[in-house]
Amino acid sequence: MTTILDAIKPGDYLLVDFGINDGDYTKAERYAPVCNNVDNPENGSFEYYMTFYIKGALDKGATPILMSPTLSIKNQTQPFSVGYRNIDSACSALARKYNIPYFDLGSAMTNDFNQRDYNTVKGYYMGGYNGGTDFTHFTETGANVTAGIICNGIKGMIKIRPALDCTITESINEPRNTS
């Protein structure tokens, strides 16, 4: 966890987006439960780890930007709905406590993806691309679309010069399933 904080410097922005992999209680090695306490978070909780990054970035003169988890469409059809609302609430509460930006990425993705064709959205995920079951992790195209959503969502929150250019190329060379 210290690798990022060792490299960060004044004026940098740190986008922090955890939750999907940390919220699976069956994976004890990475589970970080929401404790609903941003003032004195329990050791090992989601808020504890987020506070580590927030304070670390602020101590270095950087600006942390908290984001809700990305949208997983596992077991979903359109209209998509946001999951992990307890994590979203924890991020929002931490952002208020530390007076830092918060971007509800899950809601922004849901709104955007519900405007698109289902099969197009499905192709943004590894499972849709290769016929598998992974509808959490993105293909390169899905990552680019998500980057555009993030860029457009945060550009009004922060003052970067020159202004952010959120032009994203959706279709690029995807990995091929050779099995």
Foldseek 3Di string as FASTA:
>chain_A
DCPVLVPDAAPAEAEDEDDPVQCDPVPVVRHADAPVDLPDDDPRHPSVVVVVVCVSQVVRNYAYEYEYHADFQQVHFPLGDAPPVSSVVSSVVNCVVSVGHYFHLRVLCSVVVNVDDRLVLLQQFPCSVQVHRTRRHGWPLVVQVSQLSVLVRCQVVDDDPPGDDSDTDRDDDTDDDPD
